[in-house]
């Protein structure tokens, strides 16, 4: 059975939806930046000691991946801001791609 919604109900529902979106703005998310990856055996991992260097799969100066809640947001570059590391967003993935990765 189909249920029809009056225009007044639709507007009311739309307002509730807007309020819900506004309440989402205060939700905390985790933003992380991946500078590269490396594969190694457990033996190689156990052989690491202080001062060991792990070679990553990216070249110096290459873009880094920016993730939001473990989902790729885009690409960026490392910058220094007030003696702290930061990332400048250079590219954001297509929203369709982002939604597909969420599913």
C-alpha atoms as a PDB file:
ATOM      1  CA  UNK A   1       0.000   0.000   0.000  1.00  0.00           C
ATOM      2  CA  UNK A   2       1.451   3.371  -1.048  1.00  0.00           C
ATOM      3  CA  UNK A   3       1.414   6.226   1.403  1.00  0.00           C
ATOM      4  CA  UNK A   4       1.030   9.755   0.064  1.00  0.00           C
ATOM      5  CA  UNK A   5       2.585  12.669   1.899  1.00  0.00           C
ATOM      6  CA  UNK A   6       1.057  16.126   1.808  1.00  0.00           C
ATOM      7  CA  UNK A   7       3.196  19.098   0.838  1.00  0.00           C
ATOM      8  CA  UNK A   8       3.016  20.356   4.435  1.00  0.00           C
ATOM      9  CA  UNK A   9       4.277  17.015   5.770  1.00  0.00           C
ATOM     10  CA  UNK A  10       7.085  17.006   3.184  1.00  0.00           C
ATOM     11  CA  UNK A  11       8.180  20.494   4.278  1.00  0.00           C
ATOM     12  CA  UNK A  12       8.070  19.445   7.923  1.00  0.00           C
ATOM     13  CA  UNK A  13      10.071  16.320   7.117  1.00  0.00           C
ATOM     14  CA  UNK A  14      12.533  18.452   5.156  1.00  0.00           C
ATOM     15  CA  UNK A  15      13.043  20.720   8.172  1.00  0.00           C
ATOM     16  CA  UNK A  16      13.646  17.719  10.409  1.00  0.00           C
ATOM     17  CA  UNK A  17      16.188  16.478   7.881  1.00  0.00           C
ATOM     18  CA  UNK A  18      17.983  19.853   7.910  1.00  0.00           C
ATOM     19  CA  UNK A  19      18.092  19.792  11.709  1.00  0.00           C
ATOM     20  CA  UNK A  20      19.558  16.298  11.606  1.00  0.00           C
ATOM     21  CA  UNK A  21      22.274  17.446   9.209  1.00  0.00           C
ATOM     22  CA  UNK A  22      23.092  20.373  11.505  1.00  0.00           C
ATOM     23  CA  UNK A  23      23.466  17.973  14.417  1.00  0.00           C
ATOM     24  CA  UNK A  24      25.929  15.900  12.364  1.00  0.00           C
ATOM     25  CA  UNK A  25      28.346  18.832  12.199  1.00  0.00           C
ATOM     26  CA  UNK A  26      29.470  18.195  15.799  1.00  0.00           C
ATOM     27  CA  UNK A  27      30.298  14.513  15.277  1.00  0.00           C
ATOM     28  CA  UNK A  28      34.012  13.747  15.629  1.00  0.00           C
ATOM     29  CA  UNK A  29      35.811  11.955  12.827  1.00  0.00           C
ATOM     30  CA  UNK A  30      39.324  10.569  12.561  1.00  0.00           C
ATOM     31  CA  UNK A  31      41.563  12.063   9.887  1.00  0.00           C
ATOM     32  CA  UNK A  32      44.762  10.177   9.116  1.00  0.00           C
ATOM     33  CA  UNK A  33      47.557  10.611   6.594  1.00  0.00           C
ATOM     34  CA  UNK A  34      49.483   7.730   5.066  1.00  0.00           C
ATOM     35  CA  UNK A  35      52.950   8.567   3.770  1.00  0.00           C
ATOM     36  CA  UNK A  36      53.645   5.060   2.468  1.00  0.00           C
ATOM     37  CA  UNK A  37      53.655   1.339   3.078  1.00  0.00           C
ATOM     38  CA  UNK A  38      56.178  -1.467   3.289  1.00  0.00           C
ATOM     39  CA  UNK A  39      55.904  -5.260   3.250  1.00  0.00           C
ATOM     40  CA  UNK A  40      58.243  -7.381   5.295  1.00  0.00           C
ATOM     41  CA  UNK A  41      58.391 -10.803   6.814  1.00  0.00           C
ATOM     42  CA  UNK A  42      57.875 -11.380  10.526  1.00  0.00           C
ATOM     43  CA  UNK A  43      61.585 -12.219  10.742  1.00  0.00           C
ATOM     44  CA  UNK A  44      62.511  -8.843   9.214  1.00  0.00           C
ATOM     45  CA  UNK A  45      60.093  -7.110  11.587  1.00  0.00           C
ATOM     46  CA  UNK A  46      61.584  -8.842  14.622  1.00  0.00           C
ATOM     47  CA  UNK A  47      65.093  -7.921  13.444  1.00  0.00           C
ATOM     48  CA  UNK A  48      64.290  -4.174  13.564  1.00  0.00           C
ATOM     49  CA  UNK A  49      66.089  -2.198  16.237  1.00  0.00           C
ATOM     50  CA  UNK A  50      66.379   1.406  17.299  1.00  0.00           C
ATOM     51  CA  UNK A  51      67.669   3.448  14.363  1.00  0.00           C
ATOM     52  CA  UNK A  52      66.502   0.939  11.713  1.00  0.00           C
ATOM     53  CA  UNK A  53      65.084   2.454   8.541  1.00  0.00           C
ATOM     54  CA  UNK A  54      62.022   1.050   6.804  1.00  0.00           C
ATOM     55  CA  UNK A  55      61.931   1.889   3.110  1.00  0.00           C
ATOM     56  CA  UNK A  56      58.440   2.890   2.002  1.00  0.00           C
ATOM     57  CA  UNK A  57      56.810   2.443  -1.392  1.00  0.00           C
ATOM     58  CA  UNK A  58      56.693   6.188  -2.140  1.00  0.00           C
ATOM     59  CA  UNK A  59      59.297   8.610  -3.376  1.00  0.00           C
ATOM     60  CA  UNK A  60      60.300  11.694  -1.384  1.00  0.00           C
ATOM     61  CA  UNK A  61      58.026  14.593  -2.342  1.00  0.00           C
ATOM     62  CA  UNK A  62      55.286  12.304  -3.658  1.00  0.00           C
ATOM     63  CA  UNK A  63      51.712  13.009  -2.533  1.00  0.00           C
ATOM     64  CA  UNK A  64      50.317  11.366   0.605  1.00  0.00           C
ATOM     65  CA  UNK A  65      46.899   9.741   1.057  1.00  0.00           C
ATOM     66  CA  UNK A  66      44.396  11.473   3.338  1.00  0.00           C
ATOM     67  CA  UNK A  67      41.782   9.258   4.995  1.00  0.00           C
ATOM     68  CA  UNK A  68      38.629  10.082   6.953  1.00  0.00           C
ATOM     69  CA  UNK A  69      37.485   7.215   9.168  1.00  0.00           C
ATOM     70  CA  UNK A  70      39.709   4.869   7.148  1.00  0.00           C
ATOM     71  CA  UNK A  71      38.095   5.902   3.819  1.00  0.00           C
ATOM     72  CA  UNK A  72      40.210   7.685   1.217  1.00  0.00           C
ATOM     73  CA  UNK A  73      39.331  11.388   1.047  1.00  0.00           C
ATOM     74  CA  UNK A  74      42.067  12.519  -1.316  1.00  0.00           C
ATOM     75  CA  UNK A  75      45.730  13.352  -1.820  1.00  0.00           C
ATOM     76  CA  UNK A  76      47.858  15.974  -0.149  1.00  0.00           C
ATOM     77  CA  UNK A  77      51.357  17.230   0.479  1.00  0.00           C
ATOM     78  CA  UNK A  78      53.234  17.448   3.758  1.00  0.00           C
ATOM     79  CA  UNK A  79      53.769  20.992   5.068  1.00  0.00           C
ATOM     80  CA  UNK A  80      55.183  22.506   8.263  1.00  0.00           C
ATOM     81  CA  UNK A  81      52.842  24.773  10.245  1.00  0.00           C
ATOM     82  CA  UNK A  82      54.189  26.439  13.413  1.00  0.00           C
ATOM     83  CA  UNK A  83      56.844  23.722  13.798  1.00  0.00           C
ATOM     84  CA  UNK A  84      54.224  20.961  13.425  1.00  0.00           C
ATOM     85  CA  UNK A  85      53.612  18.704  10.476  1.00  0.00           C
ATOM     86  CA  UNK A  86      50.432  19.264   8.496  1.00  0.00           C
ATOM     87  CA  UNK A  87      48.962  18.258   5.165  1.00  0.00           C
ATOM     88  CA  UNK A  88      47.733  20.511   2.382  1.00  0.00           C
ATOM     89  CA  UNK A  89      44.825  18.917   0.517  1.00  0.00           C
ATOM     90  CA  UNK A  90      45.675  18.876  -3.182  1.00  0.00           C
ATOM     91  CA  UNK A  91      42.958  16.592  -4.539  1.00  0.00           C
ATOM     92  CA  UNK A  92      39.676  15.186  -3.242  1.00  0.00           C
ATOM     93  CA  UNK A  93      38.336  11.941  -4.656  1.00  0.00           C
ATOM     94  CA  UNK A  94      35.193  12.026  -6.738  1.00  0.00           C
ATOM     95  CA  UNK A  95      32.145  11.863  -4.415  1.00  0.00           C
ATOM     96  CA  UNK A  96      30.793   8.884  -6.395  1.00  0.00           C
ATOM     97  CA  UNK A  97      34.051   7.016  -5.765  1.00  0.00           C
ATOM     98  CA  UNK A  98      33.834   7.870  -2.060  1.00  0.00           C
ATOM     99  CA  UNK A  99      30.263   6.561  -1.782  1.00  0.00           C
ATOM    100  CA  UNK A 100      31.192   3.363  -3.651  1.00  0.00           C
ATOM    101  CA  UNK A 101      34.041   2.720  -1.199  1.00  0.00           C
ATOM    102  CA  UNK A 102      31.670   3.188   1.748  1.00  0.00           C
ATOM    103  CA  UNK A 103      29.432   0.347   0.516  1.00  0.00           C
END
